Amino acid sequence: MMKLRKAGERGHADHGWLNAYHTFSFADYYDEANMGFRDLRVINEDRIQGGAGFPTHGHRDMEIITYIIEGALAHKDSMGNIASITPGEVQRMSAGTGVRHSEFNHMPNQQTHLMQIWILPEKEGITPSYGQKSFTESFKNKNFVLVVSKDGREGSITMNQNASMYVGKFAASETMEYKIEPGRHVWLQMVKGSLTVNDQTLETSDGLAVSNEPNLNLNAKATTEFILFDLP
């Protein structure tokens, strides 16, 4: 079973300083048919204007992953982490028992474009933690890189859920087969480009839910960037 979630079907909120598209129900956008997929709860595609951002606010019991597409994001949290996240880097914050943080585009003349992802943890009440890593070197040798996983294999950032997050960066005409283990599910989120998945074509910002399929045949029709979640 494969179900396409077209980019234009997502929820949309334009706050001036923030232009956000919600794949699943979030904040004032509510869609009973799109509350999440498996343990994947939020995929927000955000564009933050220069000098703007999210003031200090709280989270708990959520694995929060930030993927920068363009620009940079300044992060500060109650665990003492102060960082700038740039393209090629992935950040994971396990909110656990509770954490407060702020996120700002600290470049006054450039927009920041990002995906913010929330995944439900395996259990509640864990100790909050933080991880951040650049995968730029990995992409010099591979077009499909594991960036977040439960066990931290292949140099990925760990998270508190039996899920894996991959980033694909394919040139036009590059292909790959992705095997799905029995009982597992996949969400594929396009960042940009054009990709055929089995008999389904995905364009920029489209999403695809996959269940009860043994494998995915990926074929890039143009320069393409995407995120693939392998979920229990």
Protein backbone atom coordinates (compact mmCIF):
# COMPACT_ATOMS: atom_id res chain seq x y z
CA MET A 1 0.00 0.00 0.00
CA MET A 2 1.30 3.41 -0.96
CA LYS A 3 -0.53 6.66 -0.26
CA LEU A 4 0.65 9.93 -1.79
CA ARG A 5 0.43 13.15 0.22
CA LYS A 6 0.75 15.97 -2.33
CA ALA A 7 2.57 19.12 -1.26
CA GLY A 8 -0.46 21.27 -2.03
CA GLU A 9 -2.71 19.21 0.26
CA ARG A 10 -0.73 20.09 3.39
CA GLY A 11 -1.81 22.55 6.01
CA HIS A 12 -0.43 26.07 5.57
CA ALA A 13 0.20 28.96 7.95
CA ASP A 14 1.79 32.26 6.91
CA HIS A 15 2.73 34.36 9.93
CA GLY A 16 4.84 36.84 7.97
CA TRP A 17 8.10 35.98 9.71
CA LEU A 18 7.27 32.25 9.34
CA ASN A 19 5.81 30.49 6.30
CA ALA A 20 5.01 26.92 7.34
CA TYR A 21 3.56 23.85 5.66
CA HIS A 22 2.29 21.00 7.86
CA THR A 23 2.23 17.44 6.52
CA PHE A 24 0.31 16.35 9.63
CA SER A 25 -2.03 18.15 12.03
CA PHE A 26 -0.12 20.84 13.93
CA ALA A 27 -1.04 23.95 15.94
CA ASP A 28 -4.16 25.52 14.35
CA TYR A 29 -4.15 23.06 11.43
CA TYR A 30 -6.26 20.00 12.20
CA ASP A 31 -6.95 17.16 9.77
CA GLU A 32 -8.36 14.01 11.33
CA ALA A 33 -7.16 11.96 8.35
CA ASN A 34 -3.56 13.18 8.74
CA MET A 35 -2.57 13.02 12.41
CA GLY A 36 0.78 11.36 11.71
CA PHE A 37 2.12 8.11 10.33
CA ARG A 38 3.12 5.35 12.76
CA ASP A 39 5.44 7.08 15.31
CA LEU A 40 6.13 9.97 12.93
CA ARG A 41 4.04 12.81 14.34
CA VAL A 42 5.22 16.06 12.70
CA ILE A 43 6.86 17.10 9.44
CA ASN A 44 6.85 20.89 9.16
CA GLU A 45 8.51 22.62 6.23
CA ASP A 46 9.37 26.07 7.59
CA ARG A 47 10.78 29.20 6.01
CA ILE A 48 11.94 31.70 8.63
CA GLN A 49 12.72 35.28 7.67
CA GLY A 50 16.04 36.86 8.64
CA GLY A 51 16.30 37.93 12.27
CA ALA A 52 13.13 36.06 13.26
CA GLY A 53 12.46 32.80 15.05
CA PHE A 54 10.84 30.89 17.86
CA PRO A 55 11.37 32.39 21.34
CA THR A 56 12.05 30.09 24.29
CA HIS A 57 9.36 27.45 24.63
CA GLY A 58 9.02 23.97 26.11
CA HIS A 59 8.71 20.38 24.86
CA ARG A 60 8.53 16.98 26.51
CA ASP A 61 8.41 13.30 25.48
CA MET A 62 9.30 13.86 21.84
CA GLU A 63 12.28 13.20 19.56
CA ILE A 64 12.72 16.47 17.66
CA ILE A 65 14.90 16.46 14.54
CA THR A 66 15.92 19.55 12.57
CA TYR A 67 17.15 19.31 8.97
CA ILE A 68 18.39 22.53 7.37
CA ILE A 69 17.80 22.91 3.64
CA GLU A 70 19.05 26.47 3.21
CA GLY A 71 20.42 29.13 5.56
CA ALA A 72 21.16 28.51 9.24
CA LEU A 73 19.39 28.22 12.58
CA ALA A 74 20.69 29.35 15.97
CA HIS A 75 19.74 26.96 18.78
CA LYS A 76 19.88 27.50 22.56
CA ASP A 77 18.36 25.18 25.17
CA SER A 78 17.99 24.58 28.90
CA MET A 79 20.54 21.73 28.75
CA GLY A 80 23.22 24.33 28.03
CA ASN A 81 23.59 23.67 24.31
CA ILE A 82 24.27 26.68 22.08
CA ALA A 83 24.76 25.88 18.40
CA SER A 84 24.24 26.97 14.82
CA ILE A 85 22.76 24.36 12.48
CA THR A 86 23.66 24.62 8.80
CA PRO A 87 22.98 22.60 5.60
CA GLY A 88 24.61 19.17 5.74
CA GLU A 89 24.02 18.98 9.50
CA VAL A 90 21.26 17.20 11.41
CA GLN A 91 20.21 18.01 14.97
CA ARG A 92 18.29 15.73 17.34
CA MET A 93 16.86 16.89 20.66
CA SER A 94 15.24 14.31 22.94
CA ALA A 95 12.84 16.36 25.04
CA GLY A 96 12.11 13.58 27.56
CA THR A 97 11.07 14.88 30.96
CA GLY A 98 11.14 18.43 29.64
CA VAL A 99 13.39 20.90 27.88
CA ARG A 100 13.13 24.54 26.86
CA HIS A 101 14.76 25.97 23.78
CA SER A 102 14.76 28.80 21.26
CA GLU A 103 15.42 28.74 17.50
CA PHE A 104 16.29 31.82 15.46
CA ASN A 105 17.45 32.70 11.99
CA HIS A 106 20.38 34.85 13.08
CA MET A 107 21.22 36.00 9.54
CA PRO A 108 19.34 39.28 8.99
CA ASN A 109 19.36 39.20 5.19
CA GLN A 110 18.80 35.51 4.40
CA GLN A 111 15.84 33.19 4.76
CA THR A 112 16.25 29.86 6.58
CA HIS A 113 14.48 26.88 5.02
CA LEU A 114 14.20 23.73 7.14
CA MET A 115 12.28 20.58 7.95
CA GLN A 116 11.33 20.08 11.58
CA ILE A 117 10.41 16.49 12.42
CA TRP A 118 8.86 15.03 15.57
CA ILE A 119 8.95 11.32 16.33
CA LEU A 120 7.28 9.77 19.36
CA PRO A 121 9.81 8.08 21.69
CA GLU A 122 9.62 4.43 22.72
CA LYS A 123 8.92 5.47 26.29
CA GLU A 124 8.13 8.63 28.19
CA GLY A 125 10.09 10.26 30.98
CA ILE A 126 13.62 9.78 29.66
CA THR A 127 16.48 12.16 30.48
CA PRO A 128 16.66 14.94 27.88
CA SER A 129 19.65 14.81 25.51
CA TYR A 130 21.08 16.49 22.43
CA GLY A 131 22.95 15.40 19.30
CA GLN A 132 24.23 17.27 16.24
CA LYS A 133 26.46 16.16 13.39
CA SER A 134 27.58 17.15 9.90
CA PHE A 135 27.17 14.52 7.18
CA THR A 136 28.84 16.55 4.44
CA GLU A 137 31.79 14.16 4.19
CA SER A 138 29.49 11.14 4.00
CA PHE A 139 27.77 12.55 0.92
CA LYS A 140 31.08 12.82 -0.93
CA ASN A 141 31.08 9.02 -1.19
CA LYS A 142 27.40 8.05 -0.95
CA ASN A 143 24.06 9.32 -2.23
CA PHE A 144 22.00 7.72 0.57
CA VAL A 145 23.12 8.27 4.16
CA LEU A 146 21.76 7.11 7.51
CA VAL A 147 21.63 10.22 9.72
CA VAL A 148 19.54 9.18 12.77
CA SER A 149 18.89 5.72 14.25
CA LYS A 150 18.19 3.97 17.53
CA ASP A 151 21.62 2.33 17.76
CA GLY A 152 23.82 5.00 16.16
CA ARG A 153 25.09 2.62 13.48
CA GLU A 154 27.07 3.89 10.50
CA GLY A 155 27.98 7.01 12.44
CA SER A 156 24.39 8.24 12.75
CA ILE A 157 22.94 10.27 15.62
CA THR A 158 21.03 8.17 18.15
CA MET A 159 17.37 8.59 19.08
CA ASN A 160 14.97 6.95 21.51
CA GLN A 161 12.84 5.09 18.99
CA ASN A 162 13.37 2.01 16.82
CA ALA A 163 13.29 4.11 13.66
CA SER A 164 15.85 5.17 11.08
CA MET A 165 16.10 8.42 9.15
CA TYR A 166 18.02 8.51 5.87
CA VAL A 167 18.78 11.41 3.54
CA GLY A 168 19.06 10.77 -0.19
CA LYS A 169 20.77 13.14 -2.62
CA PHE A 170 20.47 11.69 -6.13
CA ALA A 171 21.64 13.02 -9.47
CA ALA A 172 19.25 12.67 -12.40
CA SER A 173 18.86 9.02 -13.50
CA GLU A 174 20.39 7.57 -10.32
CA THR A 175 18.47 4.55 -9.01
CA MET A 176 18.36 2.46 -5.84
CA GLU A 177 16.36 -0.40 -4.36
CA TYR A 178 15.36 -0.05 -0.71
CA LYS A 179 14.29 -3.26 1.00
CA ILE A 180 11.65 -2.99 3.72
CA GLU A 181 11.81 -5.57 6.50
CA PRO A 182 8.56 -7.43 7.35
CA GLY A 183 6.39 -5.43 9.71
CA ARG A 184 8.19 -2.16 8.97
CA HIS A 185 6.76 0.94 7.30
CA VAL A 186 8.27 3.83 5.34
CA TRP A 187 7.48 7.50 4.96
CA LEU A 188 9.36 9.23 2.13
CA GLN A 189 9.42 13.03 2.25
CA MET A 190 10.62 14.94 -0.78
CA VAL A 191 12.79 18.00 -0.23
CA LYS A 192 13.24 18.89 -3.90
CA GLY A 193 13.37 17.29 -7.33
CA SER A 194 11.42 14.46 -8.95
CA LEU A 195 11.51 10.82 -7.92
CA THR A 196 9.66 7.73 -9.09
CA VAL A 197 8.96 5.24 -6.27
CA ASN A 198 7.73 1.96 -7.75
CA ASP A 199 4.90 3.29 -9.95
CA GLN A 200 4.38 6.54 -8.02
CA THR A 201 5.94 9.89 -9.01
CA LEU A 202 6.84 12.37 -6.27
CA GLU A 203 7.71 16.02 -6.80
CA THR A 204 9.13 18.71 -4.50
CA SER A 205 7.62 18.57 -0.97
CA ASP A 206 5.37 15.57 -1.68
CA GLY A 207 5.18 12.76 0.90
CA LEU A 208 4.53 9.04 0.50
CA ALA A 209 3.28 6.56 3.11
CA VAL A 210 4.29 2.94 2.48
CA SER A 211 3.00 -0.18 4.24
CA ASN A 212 2.98 -3.87 3.29
CA GLU A 213 5.51 -3.43 0.48
CA PRO A 214 8.68 -5.58 0.34
CA ASN A 215 10.86 -3.03 -1.43
CA LEU A 216 10.98 0.38 -3.06
CA ASN A 217 12.58 1.06 -6.42
CA LEU A 218 13.75 4.67 -6.44
CA ASN A 219 14.53 6.43 -9.73
CA ALA A 220 15.48 10.12 -9.78
CA LYS A 221 14.08 12.04 -12.75
CA ALA A 222 16.08 15.16 -11.87
CA THR A 223 18.51 16.29 -9.19
CA THR A 224 16.62 15.14 -6.12
CA GLU A 225 16.86 15.39 -2.33
CA PHE A 226 14.60 13.42 -0.01
CA ILE A 227 14.25 12.04 3.52
CA LEU A 228 13.26 8.40 4.12
CA PHE A 229 11.93 7.24 7.49
CA ASP A 230 11.97 3.50 8.27
CA LEU A 231 9.42 3.03 11.06
CA PRO A 232 8.07 0.24 13.29
